[in-house]
Amino acid sequence: MHNCNLKPVDSALIKQVGYNPMTSVLCVEFRDGAVYHYSGVPSSVYEGMMLSSSMGHYFDTYVKKAGYSYTRER
C-alpha cells in the first residue's frame, strides 16, 4: 500500500483520490471499486486534479494519456 490518504471526491467516474508527496504516487479509486497507483506524478498534477471542475476529464487528459506507469491494487 502506498499510504495515499484517499479523500472522497465529487465525480461520476472517481470515488476517492489520494497522493503521497514522499513517493510521488497518485492513488485513484474508481466507482467500480478498482484502485490504481500511478508512479512519478508531480504534485501539480494532483493539485490540478483536485481543483478541476471535471475530475474524470482531467484524469483522462493529464494522468491516463500522460503515460505514467501504474499498478492495480484491486
PDB file of N, CA and C in Angstrom:
ATOM      1  N   MET A   1       0.836  -1.193   0.000  1.00  0.00           N
ATOM      2  CA  MET A   1       0.000   0.000   0.000  1.00  0.00           C
ATOM      3  C   MET A   1       0.873   1.246   0.000  1.00  0.00           C
ATOM      4  N   HIS A   2       0.409   2.253  -0.674  1.00  0.00           N
ATOM      5  CA  HIS A   2       1.221   3.458  -0.851  1.00  0.00           C
ATOM      6  C   HIS A   2       0.899   4.592   0.114  1.00  0.00           C
ATOM      7  N   ASN A   3      -0.033   4.361   1.052  1.00  0.00           N
ATOM      8  CA  ASN A   3      -0.364   5.374   2.049  1.00  0.00           C
ATOM      9  C   ASN A   3      -0.663   6.725   1.413  1.00  0.00           C
ATOM     10  N   CYS A   4      -1.710   6.748   0.617  1.00  0.00           N
ATOM     11  CA  CYS A   4      -2.067   7.962  -0.117  1.00  0.00           C
ATOM     12  C   CYS A   4      -3.130   8.804   0.574  1.00  0.00           C
ATOM     13  N   ASN A   5      -3.685   8.346   1.694  1.00  0.00           N
ATOM     14  CA  ASN A   5      -4.731   9.099   2.382  1.00  0.00           C
ATOM     15  C   ASN A   5      -5.845   9.494   1.428  1.00  0.00           C
ATOM     16  N   LEU A   6      -6.570   8.512   0.943  1.00  0.00           N
ATOM     17  CA  LEU A   6      -7.654   8.735  -0.017  1.00  0.00           C
ATOM     18  C   LEU A   6      -8.725   9.652   0.553  1.00  0.00           C
ATOM     19  N   LYS A   7      -9.188  10.567  -0.303  1.00  0.00           N
ATOM     20  CA  LYS A   7     -10.242  11.512   0.071  1.00  0.00           C
ATOM     21  C   LYS A   7     -11.393  11.365  -0.909  1.00  0.00           C
ATOM     22  N   PRO A   8     -12.637  11.316  -0.405  1.00  0.00           N
ATOM     23  CA  PRO A   8     -13.792  11.241  -1.306  1.00  0.00           C
ATOM     24  C   PRO A   8     -13.865  12.480  -2.195  1.00  0.00           C
ATOM     25  N   VAL A   9     -14.249  12.274  -3.456  1.00  0.00           N
ATOM     26  CA  VAL A   9     -14.367  13.387  -4.404  1.00  0.00           C
ATOM     27  C   VAL A   9     -15.743  13.349  -5.080  1.00  0.00           C
ATOM     28  N   ASP A  10     -16.119  14.468  -5.642  1.00  0.00           N
ATOM     29  CA  ASP A  10     -17.398  14.600  -6.332  1.00  0.00           C
ATOM     30  C   ASP A  10     -17.173  14.359  -7.819  1.00  0.00           C
ATOM     31  N   SER A  11     -17.309  13.096  -8.222  1.00  0.00           N
ATOM     32  CA  SER A  11     -17.063  12.720  -9.612  1.00  0.00           C
ATOM     33  C   SER A  11     -17.925  11.511  -9.960  1.00  0.00           C
ATOM     34  N   ALA A  12     -18.420  11.481 -11.170  1.00  0.00           N
ATOM     35  CA  ALA A  12     -19.209  10.341 -11.629  1.00  0.00           C
ATOM     36  C   ALA A  12     -18.331   9.115 -11.860  1.00  0.00           C
ATOM     37  N   LEU A  13     -17.055   9.313 -12.178  1.00  0.00           N
ATOM     38  CA  LEU A  13     -16.126   8.236 -12.515  1.00  0.00           C
ATOM     39  C   LEU A  13     -15.273   7.793 -11.324  1.00  0.00           C
ATOM     40  N   ILE A  14     -14.855   8.763 -10.510  1.00  0.00           N
ATOM     41  CA  ILE A  14     -13.864   8.533  -9.461  1.00  0.00           C
ATOM     42  C   ILE A  14     -14.502   8.682  -8.080  1.00  0.00           C
ATOM     43  N   LYS A  15     -14.209   7.722  -7.204  1.00  0.00           N
ATOM     44  CA  LYS A  15     -14.758   7.742  -5.843  1.00  0.00           C
ATOM     45  C   LYS A  15     -13.852   8.486  -4.874  1.00  0.00           C
ATOM     46  N   GLN A  16     -12.535   8.151  -4.922  1.00  0.00           N
ATOM     47  CA  GLN A  16     -11.574   8.750  -3.995  1.00  0.00           C
ATOM     48  C   GLN A  16     -10.235   8.970  -4.691  1.00  0.00           C
ATOM     49  N   VAL A  17      -9.516   9.978  -4.213  1.00  0.00           N
ATOM     50  CA  VAL A  17      -8.188  10.291  -4.746  1.00  0.00           C
ATOM     51  C   VAL A  17      -7.259  10.587  -3.583  1.00  0.00           C
ATOM     52  N   GLY A  18      -6.016  10.155  -3.714  1.00  0.00           N
ATOM     53  CA  GLY A  18      -5.010  10.467  -2.713  1.00  0.00           C
ATOM     54  C   GLY A  18      -3.661  10.636  -3.367  1.00  0.00           C
ATOM     55  N   TYR A  19      -2.749  11.245  -2.633  1.00  0.00           N
ATOM     56  CA  TYR A  19      -1.410  11.492  -3.172  1.00  0.00           C
ATOM     57  C   TYR A  19      -0.394  11.383  -2.048  1.00  0.00           C
ATOM     58  N   ASN A  20       0.713  10.725  -2.349  1.00  0.00           N
ATOM     59  CA  ASN A  20       1.807  10.629  -1.397  1.00  0.00           C
ATOM     60  C   ASN A  20       2.969  11.454  -1.949  1.00  0.00           C
ATOM     61  N   PRO A  21       3.211  12.648  -1.390  1.00  0.00           N
ATOM     62  CA  PRO A  21       4.272  13.509  -1.909  1.00  0.00           C
ATOM     63  C   PRO A  21       5.683  12.949  -1.702  1.00  0.00           C
ATOM     64  N   MET A  22       5.843  12.048  -0.741  1.00  0.00           N
ATOM     65  CA  MET A  22       7.166  11.458  -0.498  1.00  0.00           C
ATOM     66  C   MET A  22       7.570  10.499  -1.612  1.00  0.00           C
ATOM     67  N   THR A  23       6.582   9.850  -2.230  1.00  0.00           N
ATOM     68  CA  THR A  23       6.868   8.863  -3.273  1.00  0.00           C
ATOM     69  C   THR A  23       6.352   9.285  -4.648  1.00  0.00           C
ATOM     70  N   SER A  24       5.655  10.428  -4.725  1.00  0.00           N
ATOM     71  CA  SER A  24       5.051  10.928  -5.977  1.00  0.00           C
ATOM     72  C   SER A  24       4.085   9.911  -6.583  1.00  0.00           C
ATOM     73  N   VAL A  25       3.317   9.257  -5.706  1.00  0.00           N
ATOM     74  CA  VAL A  25       2.334   8.273  -6.155  1.00  0.00           C
ATOM     75  C   VAL A  25       0.933   8.858  -6.007  1.00  0.00           C
ATOM     76  N   LEU A  26       0.188   8.821  -7.104  1.00  0.00           N
ATOM     77  CA  LEU A  26      -1.212   9.231  -7.125  1.00  0.00           C
ATOM     78  C   LEU A  26      -2.062   7.976  -7.034  1.00  0.00           C
ATOM     79  N   CYS A  27      -2.979   7.933  -6.068  1.00  0.00           N
ATOM     80  CA  CYS A  27      -3.863   6.789  -5.888  1.00  0.00           C
ATOM     81  C   CYS A  27      -5.272   7.202  -6.284  1.00  0.00           C
ATOM     82  N   VAL A  28      -5.906   6.378  -7.095  1.00  0.00           N
ATOM     83  CA  VAL A  28      -7.251   6.675  -7.573  1.00  0.00           C
ATOM     84  C   VAL A  28      -8.135   5.447  -7.376  1.00  0.00           C
ATOM     85  N   GLU A  29      -9.243   5.648  -6.670  1.00  0.00           N
ATOM     86  CA  GLU A  29     -10.243   4.594  -6.540  1.00  0.00           C
ATOM     87  C   GLU A  29     -11.437   4.985  -7.391  1.00  0.00           C
ATOM     88  N   PHE A  30     -11.785   4.112  -8.310  1.00  0.00           N
ATOM     89  CA  PHE A  30     -12.904   4.373  -9.209  1.00  0.00           C
ATOM     90  C   PHE A  30     -14.207   3.880  -8.589  1.00  0.00           C
ATOM     91  N   ARG A  31     -15.303   4.335  -9.125  1.00  0.00           N
ATOM     92  CA  ARG A  31     -16.631   3.968  -8.613  1.00  0.00           C
ATOM     93  C   ARG A  31     -16.881   2.459  -8.701  1.00  0.00           C
ATOM     94  N   ASP A  32     -16.214   1.783  -9.639  1.00  0.00           N
ATOM     95  CA  ASP A  32     -16.396   0.331  -9.776  1.00  0.00           C
ATOM     96  C   ASP A  32     -15.575  -0.468  -8.759  1.00  0.00           C
ATOM     97  N   GLY A  33     -14.818   0.230  -7.891  1.00  0.00           N
ATOM     98  CA  GLY A  33     -14.034  -0.425  -6.855  1.00  0.00           C
ATOM     99  C   GLY A  33     -12.574  -0.644  -7.202  1.00  0.00           C
ATOM    100  N   ALA A  34     -12.199  -0.440  -8.456  1.00  0.00           N
ATOM    101  CA  ALA A  34     -10.800  -0.606  -8.866  1.00  0.00           C
ATOM    102  C   ALA A  34      -9.945   0.506  -8.256  1.00  0.00           C
ATOM    103  N   VAL A  35      -8.757   0.140  -7.779  1.00  0.00           N
ATOM    104  CA  VAL A  35      -7.823   1.109  -7.212  1.00  0.00           C
ATOM    105  C   VAL A  35      -6.500   1.010  -7.975  1.00  0.00           C
ATOM    106  N   TYR A  36      -6.023   2.152  -8.468  1.00  0.00           N
ATOM    107  CA  TYR A  36      -4.779   2.218  -9.223  1.00  0.00           C
ATOM    108  C   TYR A  36      -3.813   3.174  -8.549  1.00  0.00           C
ATOM    109  N   HIS A  37      -2.513   2.850  -8.653  1.00  0.00           N
ATOM    110  CA  HIS A  37      -1.439   3.684  -8.125  1.00  0.00           C
ATOM    111  C   HIS A  37      -0.571   4.110  -9.311  1.00  0.00           C
ATOM    112  N   TYR A  38      -0.483   5.407  -9.544  1.00  0.00           N
ATOM    113  CA  TYR A  38       0.287   5.960 -10.656  1.00  0.00           C
ATOM    114  C   TYR A  38       1.581   6.546 -10.118  1.00  0.00           C
ATOM    115  N   SER A  39       2.706   6.104 -10.663  1.00  0.00           N
ATOM    116  CA  SER A  39       4.025   6.498 -10.173  1.00  0.00           C
ATOM    117  C   SER A  39       4.585   7.702 -10.914  1.00  0.00           C
ATOM    118  N   GLY A  40       5.379   8.505 -10.192  1.00  0.00           N
ATOM    119  CA  GLY A  40       6.083   9.628 -10.791  1.00  0.00           C
ATOM    120  C   GLY A  40       5.205  10.812 -11.137  1.00  0.00           C
ATOM    121  N   VAL A  41       4.061  10.913 -10.491  1.00  0.00           N
ATOM    122  CA  VAL A  41       3.128  12.007 -10.785  1.00  0.00           C
ATOM    123  C   VAL A  41       3.522  13.243  -9.969  1.00  0.00           C
ATOM    124  N   PRO A  42       3.745  14.375 -10.636  1.00  0.00           N
ATOM    125  CA  PRO A  42       4.093  15.595  -9.895  1.00  0.00           C
ATOM    126  C   PRO A  42       2.925  16.065  -9.022  1.00  0.00           C
ATOM    127  N   SER A  43       3.249  16.717  -7.927  1.00  0.00           N
ATOM    128  CA  SER A  43       2.196  17.227  -7.039  1.00  0.00           C
ATOM    129  C   SER A  43       1.286  18.210  -7.770  1.00  0.00           C
ATOM    130  N   SER A  44       1.811  18.916  -8.757  1.00  0.00           N
ATOM    131  CA  SER A  44       0.997  19.882  -9.509  1.00  0.00           C
ATOM    132  C   SER A  44      -0.145  19.186 -10.255  1.00  0.00           C
ATOM    133  N   VAL A  45       0.079  17.957 -10.710  1.00  0.00           N
ATOM    134  CA  VAL A  45      -0.974  17.207 -11.401  1.00  0.00           C
ATOM    135  C   VAL A  45      -2.056  16.807 -10.396  1.00  0.00           C
ATOM    136  N   TYR A  46      -1.646  16.340  -9.226  1.00  0.00           N
ATOM    137  CA  TYR A  46      -2.615  16.013  -8.176  1.00  0.00           C
ATOM    138  C   TYR A  46      -3.424  17.248  -7.786  1.00  0.00           C
ATOM    139  N   GLU A  47      -2.749  18.358  -7.555  1.00  0.00           N
ATOM    140  CA  GLU A  47      -3.439  19.586  -7.161  1.00  0.00           C
ATOM    141  C   GLU A  47      -4.402  20.051  -8.245  1.00  0.00           C
ATOM    142  N   GLY A  48      -3.979  19.972  -9.503  1.00  0.00           N
ATOM    143  CA  GLY A  48      -4.850  20.347 -10.610  1.00  0.00           C
ATOM    144  C   GLY A  48      -6.073  19.460 -10.692  1.00  0.00           C
ATOM    145  N   MET A  49      -5.873  18.188 -10.437  1.00  0.00           N
ATOM    146  CA  MET A  49      -6.993  17.248 -10.474  1.00  0.00           C
ATOM    147  C   MET A  49      -8.006  17.566  -9.383  1.00  0.00           C
ATOM    148  N   MET A  50      -7.518  17.868  -8.187  1.00  0.00           N
ATOM    149  CA  MET A  50      -8.411  18.164  -7.073  1.00  0.00           C
ATOM    150  C   MET A  50      -9.186  19.467  -7.290  1.00  0.00           C
ATOM    151  N   LEU A  51      -8.648  20.381  -8.073  1.00  0.00           N
ATOM    152  CA  LEU A  51      -9.302  21.668  -8.333  1.00  0.00           C
ATOM    153  C   LEU A  51     -10.132  21.662  -9.617  1.00  0.00           C
ATOM    154  N   SER A  52     -10.033  20.604 -10.375  1.00  0.00           N
ATOM    155  CA  SER A  52     -10.703  20.536 -11.675  1.00  0.00           C
ATOM    156  C   SER A  52     -12.220  20.472 -11.550  1.00  0.00           C
ATOM    157  N   SER A  53     -12.915  21.134 -12.474  1.00  0.00           N
ATOM    158  CA  SER A  53     -14.383  21.075 -12.483  1.00  0.00           C
ATOM    159  C   SER A  53     -14.877  19.755 -13.069  1.00  0.00           C
ATOM    160  N   SER A  54     -14.001  19.068 -13.833  1.00  0.00           N
ATOM    161  CA  SER A  54     -14.327  17.743 -14.363  1.00  0.00           C
ATOM    162  C   SER A  54     -13.159  16.810 -14.066  1.00  0.00           C
ATOM    163  N   MET A  55     -13.241  16.153 -12.924  1.00  0.00           N
ATOM    164  CA  MET A  55     -12.146  15.304 -12.468  1.00  0.00           C
ATOM    165  C   MET A  55     -11.870  14.157 -13.439  1.00  0.00           C
ATOM    166  N   GLY A  56     -12.920  13.550 -13.982  1.00  0.00           N
ATOM    167  CA  GLY A  56     -12.739  12.453 -14.923  1.00  0.00           C
ATOM    168  C   GLY A  56     -12.002  12.890 -16.177  1.00  0.00           C
ATOM    169  N   HIS A  57     -12.363  14.052 -16.707  1.00  0.00           N
ATOM    170  CA  HIS A  57     -11.695  14.574 -17.903  1.00  0.00           C
ATOM    171  C   HIS A  57     -10.248  14.926 -17.587  1.00  0.00           C
ATOM    172  N   TYR A  58     -10.010  15.562 -16.452  1.00  0.00           N
ATOM    173  CA  TYR A  58      -8.654  15.921 -16.056  1.00  0.00           C
ATOM    174  C   TYR A  58      -7.803  14.662 -15.910  1.00  0.00           C
ATOM    175  N   PHE A  59      -8.347  13.659 -15.230  1.00  0.00           N
ATOM    176  CA  PHE A  59      -7.636  12.401 -15.049  1.00  0.00           C
ATOM    177  C   PHE A  59      -7.278  11.785 -16.395  1.00  0.00           C
ATOM    178  N   ASP A  60      -8.243  11.722 -17.292  1.00  0.00           N
ATOM    179  CA  ASP A  60      -8.012  11.126 -18.606  1.00  0.00           C
ATOM    180  C   ASP A  60      -6.913  11.856 -19.370  1.00  0.00           C
ATOM    181  N   THR A  61      -6.951  13.184 -19.334  1.00  0.00           N
ATOM    182  CA  THR A  61      -6.003  14.003 -20.096  1.00  0.00           C
ATOM    183  C   THR A  61      -4.606  14.051 -19.477  1.00  0.00           C
ATOM    184  N   TYR A  62      -4.536  14.314 -18.172  1.00  0.00           N
ATOM    185  CA  TYR A  62      -3.246  14.592 -17.535  1.00  0.00           C
ATOM    186  C   TYR A  62      -2.622  13.419 -16.780  1.00  0.00           C
ATOM    187  N   VAL A  63      -3.363  12.338 -16.611  1.00  0.00           N
ATOM    188  CA  VAL A  63      -2.799  11.166 -15.937  1.00  0.00           C
ATOM    189  C   VAL A  63      -2.780   9.974 -16.893  1.00  0.00           C
ATOM    190  N   LYS A  64      -3.956   9.546 -17.303  1.00  0.00           N
ATOM    191  CA  LYS A  64      -4.049   8.345 -18.149  1.00  0.00           C
ATOM    192  C   LYS A  64      -3.294   8.507 -19.473  1.00  0.00           C
ATOM    193  N   LYS A  65      -3.580   9.570 -20.198  1.00  0.00           N
ATOM    194  CA  LYS A  65      -2.940   9.780 -21.506  1.00  0.00           C
ATOM    195  C   LYS A  65      -1.501  10.261 -21.389  1.00  0.00           C
ATOM    196  N   ALA A  66      -1.096  10.695 -20.194  1.00  0.00           N
ATOM    197  CA  ALA A  66       0.287  11.144 -19.991  1.00  0.00           C
ATOM    198  C   ALA A  66       1.248   9.965 -19.894  1.00  0.00           C
ATOM    199  N   GLY A  67       0.703   8.774 -19.679  1.00  0.00           N
ATOM    200  CA  GLY A  67       1.531   7.565 -19.723  1.00  0.00           C
ATOM    201  C   GLY A  67       2.300   7.236 -18.459  1.00  0.00           C
ATOM    202  N   TYR A  68       1.839   7.701 -17.308  1.00  0.00           N
ATOM    203  CA  TYR A  68       2.510   7.324 -16.059  1.00  0.00           C
ATOM    204  C   TYR A  68       2.395   5.819 -15.863  1.00  0.00           C
ATOM    205  N   SER A  69       3.436   5.224 -15.339  1.00  0.00           N
ATOM    206  CA  SER A  69       3.351   3.789 -15.040  1.00  0.00           C
ATOM    207  C   SER A  69       2.414   3.592 -13.848  1.00  0.00           C
ATOM    208  N   TYR A  70       1.750   2.453 -13.816  1.00  0.00           N
ATOM    209  CA  TYR A  70       0.767   2.234 -12.764  1.00  0.00           C
ATOM    210  C   TYR A  70       0.706   0.775 -12.381  1.00  0.00           C
ATOM    211  N   THR A  71       0.157   0.553 -11.218  1.00  0.00           N
ATOM    212  CA  THR A  71      -0.162  -0.799 -10.760  1.00  0.00           C
ATOM    213  C   THR A  71      -1.620  -0.770 -10.287  1.00  0.00           C
ATOM    214  N   ARG A  72      -2.270  -1.912 -10.419  1.00  0.00           N
ATOM    215  CA  ARG A  72      -3.644  -2.026  -9.953  1.00  0.00           C
ATOM    216  C   ARG A  72      -3.629  -2.752  -8.618  1.00  0.00           C
ATOM    217  N   GLU A  73      -4.228  -2.150  -7.611  1.00  0.00           N
ATOM    218  CA  GLU A  73      -4.283  -2.770  -6.284  1.00  0.00           C
ATOM    219  C   GLU A  73      -5.434  -3.759  -6.222  1.00  0.00           C
ATOM    220  N   ARG A  74      -6.579  -3.349  -6.737  1.00  0.00           N
ATOM    221  CA  ARG A  74      -7.749  -4.241  -6.742  1.00  0.00           C
ATOM    222  C   ARG A  74      -8.705  -3.848  -7.842  1.00  0.00           C
TER     223      ARG A  74
END
